[in-house]
Amino acid sequence: VIDDETVYLSDQFFKKTLANLQENPKVSVIFWKGNDAY
């Protein structure tokens, strides 16, 4: 978490992901633990 409006995701193995980002910067990030999910 960088700040309350920004997260950072590190690239070690992005291949299709990087190609997609170059075409379309709109993304989604999902995460969960137990019954908490966002």
Full PDB file with SEQRES, HELIX, SHEET, SSBOND, CRYST1, ORIGX, SCALE, CONECT and MASTER records, all heavy atoms in Angstrom:
SEQRES   1 A   38  VAL ILE ASP ASP GLU THR VAL TYR LEU SER ASP GLN PHE          
SEQRES   2 A   38  PHE LYS LYS THR LEU ALA ASN LEU GLN GLU ASN PRO LYS          
SEQRES   3 A   38  VAL SER VAL ILE PHE TRP LYS GLY ASN ASP ALA TYR              
HELIX    1 AA1 LYS A   16  GLU A   23  1                                   8    
SHEET    1 AA1 2 TRP A  32  LYS A  33  0                                        
SHEET    2 AA1 2 ASP A  36  ALA A  37 -1                                        
CRYST1    1.000    1.000    1.000  90.00  90.00  90.00 P 1           1          
ORIGX1      1.000000  0.000000  0.000000        0.00000                         
ORIGX2      0.000000  1.000000  0.000000        0.00000                         
ORIGX3      0.000000  0.000000  1.000000        0.00000                         
SCALE1      1.000000  0.000000  0.000000        0.00000                         
SCALE2      0.000000  1.000000  0.000000        0.00000                         
SCALE3      0.000000  0.000000  1.000000        0.00000                         
ATOM      1  N   VAL A   1       0.879  -1.163   0.000  1.00  0.00           N  
ATOM      2  CA  VAL A   1       0.000   0.000   0.000  1.00  0.00           C  
ATOM      3  C   VAL A   1       0.921   1.218   0.000  1.00  0.00           C  
ATOM      4  O   VAL A   1       1.778   1.354   0.867  1.00  0.00           O  
ATOM      5  CB  VAL A   1      -0.913   0.019   1.244  1.00  0.00           C  
ATOM      6  CG1 VAL A   1      -1.683   1.332   1.332  1.00  0.00           C  
ATOM      7  CG2 VAL A   1      -1.870  -1.172   1.221  1.00  0.00           C  
ATOM      8  N   ILE A   2       0.772   2.078  -0.984  1.00  0.00           N  
ATOM      9  CA  ILE A   2       1.587   3.294  -1.085  1.00  0.00           C  
ATOM     10  C   ILE A   2       0.945   4.414  -0.282  1.00  0.00           C  
ATOM     11  O   ILE A   2       1.602   5.113   0.475  1.00  0.00           O  
ATOM     12  CB  ILE A   2       1.776   3.711  -2.556  1.00  0.00           C  
ATOM     13  CG1 ILE A   2       2.431   2.574  -3.362  1.00  0.00           C  
ATOM     14  CG2 ILE A   2       2.568   5.010  -2.657  1.00  0.00           C  
ATOM     15  CD1 ILE A   2       3.789   2.128  -2.853  1.00  0.00           C  
ATOM     16  N   ASP A   3      -0.340   4.601  -0.473  1.00  0.00           N  
ATOM     17  CA  ASP A   3      -1.126   5.566   0.291  1.00  0.00           C  
ATOM     18  C   ASP A   3      -2.576   5.113   0.209  1.00  0.00           C  
ATOM     19  O   ASP A   3      -2.854   4.048  -0.351  1.00  0.00           O  
ATOM     20  CB  ASP A   3      -0.913   7.011  -0.203  1.00  0.00           C  
ATOM     21  CG  ASP A   3      -1.257   7.198  -1.669  1.00  0.00           C  
ATOM     22  OD1 ASP A   3      -2.265   6.620  -2.149  1.00  0.00           O  
ATOM     23  OD2 ASP A   3      -0.521   7.924  -2.361  1.00  0.00           O  
ATOM     24  N   ASP A   4      -3.510   5.888   0.727  1.00  0.00           N  
ATOM     25  CA  ASP A   4      -4.895   5.402   0.767  1.00  0.00           C  
ATOM     26  C   ASP A   4      -5.594   5.404  -0.586  1.00  0.00           C  
ATOM     27  O   ASP A   4      -6.740   4.986  -0.690  1.00  0.00           O  
ATOM     28  CB  ASP A   4      -5.717   6.145   1.823  1.00  0.00           C  
ATOM     29  CG  ASP A   4      -5.924   7.611   1.521  1.00  0.00           C  
ATOM     30  OD1 ASP A   4      -5.414   8.117   0.500  1.00  0.00           O  
ATOM     31  OD2 ASP A   4      -6.611   8.268   2.325  1.00  0.00           O  
ATOM     32  N   GLU A   5      -4.891   5.823  -1.641  1.00  0.00           N  
ATOM     33  CA  GLU A   5      -5.450   5.793  -2.989  1.00  0.00           C  
ATOM     34  C   GLU A   5      -4.605   4.986  -3.970  1.00  0.00           C  
ATOM     35  O   GLU A   5      -4.937   4.922  -5.158  1.00  0.00           O  
ATOM     36  CB  GLU A   5      -5.597   7.218  -3.532  1.00  0.00           C  
ATOM     37  CG  GLU A   5      -6.554   8.070  -2.726  1.00  0.00           C  
ATOM     38  CD  GLU A   5      -6.645   9.495  -3.249  1.00  0.00           C  
ATOM     39  OE1 GLU A   5      -5.707   9.951  -3.929  1.00  0.00           O  
ATOM     40  OE2 GLU A   5      -7.657  10.138  -2.977  1.00  0.00           O  
ATOM     41  N   THR A   6      -3.528   4.363  -3.493  1.00  0.00           N  
ATOM     42  CA  THR A   6      -2.594   3.706  -4.409  1.00  0.00           C  
ATOM     43  C   THR A   6      -2.013   2.439  -3.809  1.00  0.00           C  
ATOM     44  O   THR A   6      -1.598   2.434  -2.648  1.00  0.00           O  
ATOM     45  CB  THR A   6      -1.412   4.654  -4.749  1.00  0.00           C  
ATOM     46  OG1 THR A   6      -1.915   5.941  -5.087  1.00  0.00           O  
ATOM     47  CG2 THR A   6      -0.568   4.106  -5.890  1.00  0.00           C  
ATOM     48  N   VAL A   7      -1.978   1.368  -4.624  1.00  0.00           N  
ATOM     49  CA  VAL A   7      -1.256   0.150  -4.259  1.00  0.00           C  
ATOM     50  C   VAL A   7      -0.199  -0.101  -5.328  1.00  0.00           C  
ATOM     51  O   VAL A   7      -0.299   0.387  -6.461  1.00  0.00           O  
ATOM     52  CB  VAL A   7      -2.180  -1.079  -4.100  1.00  0.00           C  
ATOM     53  CG1 VAL A   7      -3.170  -0.864  -2.954  1.00  0.00           C  
ATOM     54  CG2 VAL A   7      -2.895  -1.420  -5.385  1.00  0.00           C  
ATOM     55  N   TYR A   8       0.822  -0.857  -4.953  1.00  0.00           N  
ATOM     56  CA  TYR A   8       1.906  -1.213  -5.866  1.00  0.00           C  
ATOM     57  C   TYR A   8       1.967  -2.723  -5.992  1.00  0.00           C  
ATOM     58  O   TYR A   8       1.895  -3.446  -4.993  1.00  0.00           O  
ATOM     59  CB  TYR A   8       3.240  -0.690  -5.333  1.00  0.00           C  
ATOM     60  CG  TYR A   8       4.404  -1.014  -6.237  1.00  0.00           C  
ATOM     61  CD1 TYR A   8       4.663  -0.241  -7.360  1.00  0.00           C  
ATOM     62  CD2 TYR A   8       5.235  -2.090  -5.972  1.00  0.00           C  
ATOM     63  CE1 TYR A   8       5.731  -0.541  -8.199  1.00  0.00           C  
ATOM     64  CE2 TYR A   8       6.300  -2.395  -6.801  1.00  0.00           C  
ATOM     65  CZ  TYR A   8       6.543  -1.618  -7.921  1.00  0.00           C  
ATOM     66  OH  TYR A   8       7.587  -1.914  -8.752  1.00  0.00           O  
ATOM     67  N   LEU A   9       2.097  -3.202  -7.232  1.00  0.00           N  
ATOM     68  CA  LEU A   9       2.222  -4.626  -7.534  1.00  0.00           C  
ATOM     69  C   LEU A   9       3.511  -4.819  -8.324  1.00  0.00           C  
ATOM     70  O   LEU A   9       3.682  -4.249  -9.398  1.00  0.00           O  
ATOM     71  CB  LEU A   9       1.021  -5.112  -8.345  1.00  0.00           C  
ATOM     72  CG  LEU A   9      -0.348  -4.835  -7.727  1.00  0.00           C  
ATOM     73  CD1 LEU A   9      -1.456  -5.152  -8.708  1.00  0.00           C  
ATOM     74  CD2 LEU A   9      -0.532  -5.607  -6.449  1.00  0.00           C  
ATOM     75  N   SER A  10       4.411  -5.623  -7.778  1.00  0.00           N  
ATOM     76  CA  SER A  10       5.719  -5.817  -8.391  1.00  0.00           C  
ATOM     77  C   SER A  10       5.665  -6.839  -9.520  1.00  0.00           C  
ATOM     78  O   SER A  10       4.966  -7.845  -9.431  1.00  0.00           O  
ATOM     79  CB  SER A  10       6.722  -6.265  -7.329  1.00  0.00           C  
ATOM     80  OG  SER A  10       8.003  -6.378  -7.893  1.00  0.00           O  
ATOM     81  N   ASP A  11       6.422  -6.559 -10.565  1.00  0.00           N  
ATOM     82  CA  ASP A  11       6.504  -7.433 -11.741  1.00  0.00           C  
ATOM     83  C   ASP A  11       7.778  -8.254 -11.715  1.00  0.00           C  
ATOM     84  O   ASP A  11       8.872  -7.717 -11.839  1.00  0.00           O  
ATOM     85  CB  ASP A  11       6.459  -6.591 -13.019  1.00  0.00           C  
ATOM     86  CG  ASP A  11       6.800  -7.374 -14.279  1.00  0.00           C  
ATOM     87  OD1 ASP A  11       6.722  -8.618 -14.262  1.00  0.00           O  
ATOM     88  OD2 ASP A  11       7.128  -6.725 -15.289  1.00  0.00           O  
ATOM     89  N   GLN A  12       7.608  -9.551 -11.560  1.00  0.00           N  
ATOM     90  CA  GLN A  12       8.704 -10.485 -11.749  1.00  0.00           C  
ATOM     91  C   GLN A  12       8.436 -11.353 -12.973  1.00  0.00           C  
ATOM     92  O   GLN A  12       9.354 -11.750 -13.659  1.00  0.00           O  
ATOM     93  CB  GLN A  12       8.885 -11.417 -10.533  1.00  0.00           C  
ATOM     94  CG  GLN A  12       9.549 -10.771  -9.347  1.00  0.00           C  
ATOM     95  CD  GLN A  12       8.638  -9.769  -8.674  1.00  0.00           C  
ATOM     96  OE1 GLN A  12       8.971  -8.599  -8.632  1.00  0.00           O  
ATOM     97  NE2 GLN A  12       7.501 -10.186  -8.169  1.00  0.00           N  
ATOM     98  N   PHE A  13       7.153 -11.640 -13.216  1.00  0.00           N  
ATOM     99  CA  PHE A  13       6.788 -12.594 -14.257  1.00  0.00           C  
ATOM    100  C   PHE A  13       5.659 -12.112 -15.153  1.00  0.00           C  
ATOM    101  O   PHE A  13       5.030 -12.927 -15.824  1.00  0.00           O  
ATOM    102  CB  PHE A  13       6.387 -13.931 -13.610  1.00  0.00           C  
ATOM    103  CG  PHE A  13       7.434 -14.477 -12.679  1.00  0.00           C  
ATOM    104  CD1 PHE A  13       7.216 -14.488 -11.311  1.00  0.00           C  
ATOM    105  CD2 PHE A  13       8.630 -14.950 -13.162  1.00  0.00           C  
ATOM    106  CE1 PHE A  13       8.175 -14.982 -10.442  1.00  0.00           C  
ATOM    107  CE2 PHE A  13       9.601 -15.444 -12.308  1.00  0.00           C  
ATOM    108  CZ  PHE A  13       9.371 -15.461 -10.947  1.00  0.00           C  
ATOM    109  N   PHE A  14       5.350 -10.825 -15.166  1.00  0.00           N  
ATOM    110  CA  PHE A  14       4.279 -10.338 -16.031  1.00  0.00           C  
ATOM    111  C   PHE A  14       4.672 -10.588 -17.489  1.00  0.00           C  
ATOM    112  O   PHE A  14       5.751 -10.199 -17.910  1.00  0.00           O  
ATOM    113  CB  PHE A  14       4.055  -8.832 -15.866  1.00  0.00           C  
ATOM    114  CG  PHE A  14       3.498  -8.385 -14.543  1.00  0.00           C  
ATOM    115  CD1 PHE A  14       3.336  -7.033 -14.294  1.00  0.00           C  
ATOM    116  CD2 PHE A  14       3.133  -9.268 -13.553  1.00  0.00           C  
ATOM    117  CE1 PHE A  14       2.820  -6.583 -13.087  1.00  0.00           C  
ATOM    118  CE2 PHE A  14       2.621  -8.838 -12.339  1.00  0.00           C  
ATOM    119  CZ  PHE A  14       2.467  -7.474 -12.116  1.00  0.00           C  
ATOM    120  N   LYS A  15       3.856 -11.233 -18.220  1.00  0.00           N  
ATOM    121  CA  LYS A  15       4.056 -11.403 -19.660  1.00  0.00           C  
ATOM    122  C   LYS A  15       2.777 -10.935 -20.344  1.00  0.00           C  
ATOM    123  O   LYS A  15       2.733  -9.856 -20.910  1.00  0.00           O  
ATOM    124  CB  LYS A  15       4.392 -12.846 -20.009  1.00  0.00           C  
ATOM    125  CG  LYS A  15       4.724 -13.031 -21.471  1.00  0.00           C  
ATOM    126  CD  LYS A  15       5.184 -14.429 -21.784  1.00  0.00           C  
ATOM    127  CE  LYS A  15       5.558 -14.502 -23.246  1.00  0.00           C  
ATOM    128  NZ  LYS A  15       6.151 -15.787 -23.577  1.00  0.00           N  
ATOM    129  N   LYS A  16       1.709 -11.751 -20.220  1.00  0.00           N  
ATOM    130  CA  LYS A  16       0.421 -11.326 -20.754  1.00  0.00           C  
ATOM    131  C   LYS A  16      -0.061 -10.079 -20.021  1.00  0.00           C  
ATOM    132  O   LYS A  16      -0.650  -9.188 -20.631  1.00  0.00           O  
ATOM    133  CB  LYS A  16      -0.607 -12.451 -20.646  1.00  0.00           C  
ATOM    134  CG  LYS A  16      -0.303 -13.648 -21.533  1.00  0.00           C  
ATOM    135  CD  LYS A  16      -1.341 -14.740 -21.365  1.00  0.00           C  
ATOM    136  CE  LYS A  16      -1.118 -15.425 -20.039  1.00  0.00           C  
ATOM    137  NZ  LYS A  16      -2.013 -16.550 -19.779  1.00  0.00           N  
ATOM    138  N   THR A  17       0.220 -10.033 -18.729  1.00  0.00           N  
ATOM    139  CA  THR A  17      -0.207  -8.886 -17.922  1.00  0.00           C  
ATOM    140  C   THR A  17       0.391  -7.597 -18.456  1.00  0.00           C  
ATOM    141  O   THR A  17      -0.321  -6.604 -18.648  1.00  0.00           O  
ATOM    142  CB  THR A  17       0.193  -9.105 -16.450  1.00  0.00           C  
ATOM    143  OG1 THR A  17      -0.474 -10.267 -15.970  1.00  0.00           O  
ATOM    144  CG2 THR A  17      -0.152  -7.911 -15.591  1.00  0.00           C  
ATOM    145  N   LEU A  18       1.692  -7.592 -18.717  1.00  0.00           N  
ATOM    146  CA  LEU A  18       2.351  -6.395 -19.232  1.00  0.00           C  
ATOM    147  C   LEU A  18       1.832  -6.034 -20.616  1.00  0.00           C  
ATOM    148  O   LEU A  18       1.573  -4.857 -20.901  1.00  0.00           O  
ATOM    149  CB  LEU A  18       3.872  -6.580 -19.251  1.00  0.00           C  
ATOM    150  CG  LEU A  18       4.680  -5.383 -19.732  1.00  0.00           C  
ATOM    151  CD1 LEU A  18       4.359  -4.122 -18.934  1.00  0.00           C  
ATOM    152  CD2 LEU A  18       6.166  -5.706 -19.657  1.00  0.00           C  
ATOM    153  N   ALA A  19       1.645  -7.028 -21.464  1.00  0.00           N  
ATOM    154  CA  ALA A  19       1.094  -6.762 -22.800  1.00  0.00           C  
ATOM    155  C   ALA A  19      -0.290  -6.130 -22.679  1.00  0.00           C  
ATOM    156  O   ALA A  19      -0.608  -5.166 -23.388  1.00  0.00           O  
ATOM    157  CB  ALA A  19       1.030  -8.052 -23.619  1.00  0.00           C  
ATOM    158  N   ASN A  20      -1.102  -6.656 -21.756  1.00  0.00           N  
ATOM    159  CA  ASN A  20      -2.435  -6.084 -21.557  1.00  0.00           C  
ATOM    160  C   ASN A  20      -2.356  -4.646 -21.070  1.00  0.00           C  
ATOM    161  O   ASN A  20      -3.101  -3.775 -21.525  1.00  0.00           O  
ATOM    162  CB  ASN A  20      -3.231  -6.914 -20.553  1.00  0.00           C  
ATOM    163  CG  ASN A  20      -3.681  -8.239 -21.113  1.00  0.00           C  
ATOM    164  OD1 ASN A  20      -3.457  -8.550 -22.280  1.00  0.00           O  
ATOM    165  ND2 ASN A  20      -4.305  -9.031 -20.276  1.00  0.00           N  
ATOM    166  N   LEU A  21      -1.474  -4.395 -20.108  1.00  0.00           N  
ATOM    167  CA  LEU A  21      -1.351  -3.045 -19.557  1.00  0.00           C  
ATOM    168  C   LEU A  21      -0.948  -2.036 -20.623  1.00  0.00           C  
ATOM    169  O   LEU A  21      -1.357  -0.871 -20.561  1.00  0.00           O  
ATOM    170  CB  LEU A  21      -0.330  -3.036 -18.419  1.00  0.00           C  
ATOM    171  CG  LEU A  21      -0.753  -3.752 -17.146  1.00  0.00           C  
ATOM    172  CD1 LEU A  21       0.434  -3.899 -16.208  1.00  0.00           C  
ATOM    173  CD2 LEU A  21      -1.898  -3.028 -16.477  1.00  0.00           C  
ATOM    174  N   GLN A  22      -0.158  -2.469 -21.583  1.00  0.00           N  
ATOM    175  CA  GLN A  22       0.253  -1.568 -22.653  1.00  0.00           C  
ATOM    176  C   GLN A  22      -0.916  -1.213 -23.563  1.00  0.00           C  
ATOM    177  O   GLN A  22      -0.929  -0.154 -24.181  1.00  0.00           O  
ATOM    178  CB  GLN A  22       1.406  -2.190 -23.442  1.00  0.00           C  
ATOM    179  CG  GLN A  22       2.667  -2.255 -22.617  1.00  0.00           C  
ATOM    180  CD  GLN A  22       3.754  -3.119 -23.222  1.00  0.00           C  
ATOM    181  OE1 GLN A  22       3.515  -3.967 -24.076  1.00  0.00           O  
ATOM    182  NE2 GLN A  22       4.974  -2.912 -22.758  1.00  0.00           N  
ATOM    183  N   GLU A  23      -1.918  -2.081 -23.625  1.00  0.00           N  
ATOM    184  CA  GLU A  23      -3.108  -1.829 -24.435  1.00  0.00           C  
ATOM    185  C   GLU A  23      -4.235  -1.178 -23.637  1.00  0.00           C  
ATOM    186  O   GLU A  23      -5.044  -0.442 -24.191  1.00  0.00           O  
ATOM    187  CB  GLU A  23      -3.646  -3.143 -25.017  1.00  0.00           C  
ATOM    188  CG  GLU A  23      -2.748  -3.783 -26.037  1.00  0.00           C  
ATOM    189  CD  GLU A  23      -3.360  -5.060 -26.614  1.00  0.00           C  
ATOM    190  OE1 GLU A  23      -4.600  -5.238 -26.554  1.00  0.00           O  
ATOM    191  OE2 GLU A  23      -2.588  -5.877 -27.128  1.00  0.00           O  
ATOM    192  N   ASN A  24      -4.313  -1.528 -22.338  1.00  0.00           N  
ATOM    193  CA  ASN A  24      -5.470  -1.134 -21.544  1.00  0.00           C  
ATOM    194  C   ASN A  24      -5.045  -1.019 -20.075  1.00  0.00           C  
ATOM    195  O   ASN A  24      -4.818  -2.034 -19.424  1.00  0.00           O  
ATOM    196  CB  ASN A  24      -6.569  -2.190 -21.705  1.00  0.00           C  
ATOM    197  CG  ASN A  24      -7.768  -1.930 -20.838  1.00  0.00           C  
ATOM    198  OD1 ASN A  24      -7.924  -0.878 -20.235  1.00  0.00           O  
ATOM    199  ND2 ASN A  24      -8.648  -2.924 -20.751  1.00  0.00           N  
ATOM    200  N   PRO A  25      -4.960   0.181 -19.535  1.00  0.00           N  
ATOM    201  CA  PRO A  25      -4.490   0.337 -18.162  1.00  0.00           C  
ATOM    202  C   PRO A  25      -5.548   0.094 -17.076  1.00  0.00           C  
ATOM    203  O   PRO A  25      -5.238   0.157 -15.888  1.00  0.00           O  
ATOM    204  CB  PRO A  25      -4.016   1.787 -18.119  1.00  0.00           C  
ATOM    205  CG  PRO A  25      -4.929   2.477 -19.083  1.00  0.00           C  
ATOM    206  CD  PRO A  25      -5.154   1.474 -20.192  1.00  0.00           C  
ATOM    207  N   LYS A  26      -6.776  -0.199 -17.458  1.00  0.00           N  
ATOM    208  CA  LYS A  26      -7.834  -0.451 -16.458  1.00  0.00           C  
ATOM    209  C   LYS A  26      -7.648  -1.850 -15.879  1.00  0.00           C  
ATOM    210  O   LYS A  26      -7.513  -2.829 -16.622  1.00  0.00           O  
ATOM    211  CB  LYS A  26      -9.220  -0.325 -17.079  1.00  0.00           C  
ATOM    212  CG  LYS A  26      -9.552   1.099 -17.502  1.00  0.00           C  
ATOM    213  CD  LYS A  26      -9.571   2.012 -16.296  1.00  0.00           C  
ATOM    214  CE  LYS A  26     -10.074   3.390 -16.647  1.00  0.00           C  
ATOM    215  NZ  LYS A  26     -10.056   4.277 -15.501  1.00  0.00           N  
ATOM    216  N   VAL A  27      -7.631  -1.928 -14.539  1.00  0.00           N  
ATOM    217  CA  VAL A  27      -7.324  -3.189 -13.864  1.00  0.00           C  
ATOM    218  C   VAL A  27      -8.243  -3.419 -12.672  1.00  0.00           C  
ATOM    219  O   VAL A  27      -8.961  -2.514 -12.241  1.00  0.00           O  
ATOM    220  CB  VAL A  27      -5.852  -3.218 -13.386  1.00  0.00           C  
ATOM    221  CG1 VAL A  27      -4.890  -3.032 -14.552  1.00  0.00           C  
ATOM    222  CG2 VAL A  27      -5.596  -2.164 -12.312  1.00  0.00           C  
ATOM    223  N   SER A  28      -8.141  -4.633 -12.143  1.00  0.00           N  
ATOM    224  CA  SER A  28      -8.836  -5.000 -10.925  1.00  0.00           C  
ATOM    225  C   SER A  28      -7.887  -5.837 -10.081  1.00  0.00           C  
ATOM    226  O   SER A  28      -7.080  -6.599 -10.611  1.00  0.00           O  
ATOM    227  CB  SER A  28     -10.085  -5.808 -11.275  1.00  0.00           C  
ATOM    228  OG  SER A  28     -10.763  -6.219 -10.115  1.00  0.00           O  
ATOM    229  N   VAL A  29      -7.985  -5.659  -8.773  1.00  0.00           N  
ATOM    230  CA  VAL A  29      -7.184  -6.440  -7.829  1.00  0.00           C  
ATOM    231  C   VAL A  29      -8.152  -6.994  -6.791  1.00  0.00           C  
ATOM    232  O   VAL A  29      -8.924  -6.230  -6.196  1.00  0.00           O  
ATOM    233  CB  VAL A  29      -6.120  -5.568  -7.124  1.00  0.00           C  
ATOM    234  CG1 VAL A  29      -5.298  -6.403  -6.157  1.00  0.00           C  
ATOM    235  CG2 VAL A  29      -5.229  -4.866  -8.147  1.00  0.00           C  
ATOM    236  N   ILE A  30      -8.127  -8.310  -6.593  1.00  0.00           N  
ATOM    237  CA  ILE A  30      -9.024  -8.916  -5.612  1.00  0.00           C  
ATOM    238  C   ILE A  30      -8.200  -9.667  -4.573  1.00  0.00           C  
ATOM    239  O   ILE A  30      -7.152 -10.240  -4.900  1.00  0.00           O  
ATOM    240  CB  ILE A  30     -10.075  -9.829  -6.282  1.00  0.00           C  
ATOM    241  CG1 ILE A  30     -11.172 -10.207  -5.298  1.00  0.00           C  
ATOM    242  CG2 ILE A  30      -9.434 -11.037  -6.919  1.00  0.00           C  
ATOM    243  CD1 ILE A  30     -12.415 -10.782  -5.947  1.00  0.00           C  
ATOM    244  N   PHE A  31      -8.668  -9.613  -3.327  1.00  0.00           N  
ATOM    245  CA  PHE A  31      -7.957 -10.272  -2.237  1.00  0.00           C  
ATOM    246  C   PHE A  31      -8.954 -10.606  -1.134  1.00  0.00           C  
ATOM    247  O   PHE A  31      -9.990  -9.965  -1.004  1.00  0.00           O  
ATOM    248  CB  PHE A  31      -6.808  -9.402  -1.706  1.00  0.00           C  
ATOM    249  CG  PHE A  31      -7.199  -7.991  -1.385  1.00  0.00           C  
ATOM    250  CD1 PHE A  31      -7.464  -7.607  -0.083  1.00  0.00           C  
ATOM    251  CD2 PHE A  31      -7.309  -7.035  -2.390  1.00  0.00           C  
ATOM    252  CE1 PHE A  31      -7.833  -6.309   0.217  1.00  0.00           C  
ATOM    253  CE2 PHE A  31      -7.670  -5.730  -2.106  1.00  0.00           C  
ATOM    254  CZ  PHE A  31      -7.932  -5.366  -0.791  1.00  0.00           C  
ATOM    255  N   TRP A  32      -8.629 -11.645  -0.363  1.00  0.00           N  
ATOM    256  CA  TRP A  32      -9.550 -12.115   0.657  1.00  0.00           C  
ATOM    257  C   TRP A  32      -8.836 -12.904   1.727  1.00  0.00           C  
ATOM    258  O   TRP A  32      -7.736 -13.406   1.533  1.00  0.00           O  
ATOM    259  CB  TRP A  32     -10.637 -12.981   0.028  1.00  0.00           C  
ATOM    260  CG  TRP A  32     -10.105 -14.250  -0.555  1.00  0.00           C  
ATOM    261  CD1 TRP A  32     -10.023 -15.466   0.071  1.00  0.00           C  
ATOM    262  CD2 TRP A  32      -9.545 -14.433  -1.853  1.00  0.00           C  
ATOM    263  NE1 TRP A  32      -9.458 -16.393  -0.765  1.00  0.00           N  
ATOM    264  CE2 TRP A  32      -9.145 -15.778  -1.961  1.00  0.00           C  
ATOM    265  CE3 TRP A  32      -9.338 -13.580  -2.941  1.00  0.00           C  
ATOM    266  CZ2 TRP A  32      -8.557 -16.294  -3.100  1.00  0.00           C  
ATOM    267  CZ3 TRP A  32      -8.746 -14.102  -4.079  1.00  0.00           C  
ATOM    268  CH2 TRP A  32      -8.371 -15.435  -4.156  1.00  0.00           C  
ATOM    269  N   LYS A  33      -9.498 -12.986   2.849  1.00  0.00           N  
ATOM    270  CA  LYS A  33      -9.084 -13.851   3.950  1.00  0.00           C  
ATOM    271  C   LYS A  33     -10.353 -14.167   4.723  1.00  0.00           C  
ATOM    272  O   LYS A  33     -11.049 -13.244   5.173  1.00  0.00           O  
ATOM    273  CB  LYS A  33      -8.065 -13.164   4.852  1.00  0.00           C  
ATOM    274  CG  LYS A  33      -7.610 -14.052   6.006  1.00  0.00           C  
ATOM    275  CD  LYS A  33      -6.569 -13.352   6.844  1.00  0.00           C  
ATOM    276  CE  LYS A  33      -6.170 -14.249   8.003  1.00  0.00           C  
ATOM    277  NZ  LYS A  33      -5.248 -13.563   8.906  1.00  0.00           N  
ATOM    278  N   GLY A  34     -10.647 -15.445   4.871  1.00  0.00           N  
ATOM    279  CA  GLY A  34     -11.881 -15.822   5.532  1.00  0.00           C  
ATOM    280  C   GLY A  34     -13.074 -15.236   4.796  1.00  0.00           C  
ATOM    281  O   GLY A  34     -13.186 -15.363   3.586  1.00  0.00           O  
ATOM    282  N   ASN A  35     -13.944 -14.565   5.532  1.00  0.00           N  
ATOM    283  CA  ASN A  35     -15.121 -13.950   4.914  1.00  0.00           C  
ATOM    284  C   ASN A  35     -14.918 -12.481   4.565  1.00  0.00           C  
ATOM    285  O   ASN A  35     -15.874 -11.816   4.172  1.00  0.00           O  
ATOM    286  CB  ASN A  35     -16.342 -14.107   5.828  1.00  0.00           C  
ATOM    287  CG  ASN A  35     -16.858 -15.525   5.829  1.00  0.00           C  
ATOM    288  OD1 ASN A  35     -16.746 -16.236   4.835  1.00  0.00           O  
ATOM    289  ND2 ASN A  35     -17.421 -15.948   6.941  1.00  0.00           N  
ATOM    290  N   ASP A  36     -13.715 -11.974   4.725  1.00  0.00           N  
ATOM    291  CA  ASP A  36     -13.405 -10.606   4.305  1.00  0.00           C  
ATOM    292  C   ASP A  36     -12.820 -10.659   2.900  1.00  0.00           C  
ATOM    293  O   ASP A  36     -11.830 -11.363   2.665  1.00  0.00           O  
ATOM    294  CB  ASP A  36     -12.387  -9.955   5.249  1.00  0.00           C  
ATOM    295  CG  ASP A  36     -12.962  -9.667   6.617  1.00  0.00           C  
ATOM    296  OD1 ASP A  36     -14.178  -9.411   6.715  1.00  0.00           O  
ATOM    297  OD2 ASP A  36     -12.190  -9.693   7.588  1.00  0.00           O  
ATOM    298  N   ALA A  37     -13.425  -9.935   1.987  1.00  0.00           N  
ATOM    299  CA  ALA A  37     -12.959  -9.943   0.602  1.00  0.00           C  
ATOM    300  C   ALA A  37     -13.278  -8.605  -0.054  1.00  0.00           C  
ATOM    301  O   ALA A  37     -14.366  -8.051   0.147  1.00  0.00           O  
ATOM    302  CB  ALA A  37     -13.612 -11.078  -0.168  1.00  0.00           C  
ATOM    303  N   TYR A  38     -12.312  -8.118  -0.825  1.00  0.00           N  
ATOM    304  CA  TYR A  38     -12.476  -6.823  -1.485  1.00  0.00           C  
ATOM    305  C   TYR A  38     -11.931  -6.876  -2.903  1.00  0.00           C  
ATOM    306  O   TYR A  38     -11.032  -7.666  -3.218  1.00  0.00           O  
ATOM    307  CB  TYR A  38     -11.741  -5.715  -0.718  1.00  0.00           C  
ATOM    308  CG  TYR A  38     -12.288  -5.543   0.668  1.00  0.00           C  
ATOM    309  CD1 TYR A  38     -11.652  -6.116   1.761  1.00  0.00           C  
ATOM    310  CD2 TYR A  38     -13.472  -4.851   0.884  1.00  0.00           C  
ATOM    311  CE1 TYR A  38     -12.163  -5.992   3.040  1.00  0.00           C  
ATOM    312  CE2 TYR A  38     -13.997  -4.720   2.156  1.00  0.00           C  
ATOM    313  CZ  TYR A  38     -13.341  -5.287   3.226  1.00  0.00           C  
ATOM    314  OH  TYR A  38     -13.862  -5.171   4.488  1.00  0.00           O  
TER     315      TYR A  38                                                      
MASTER        0    0    0    1    2    0    0    6  314    1    0    3          
END                                                                             
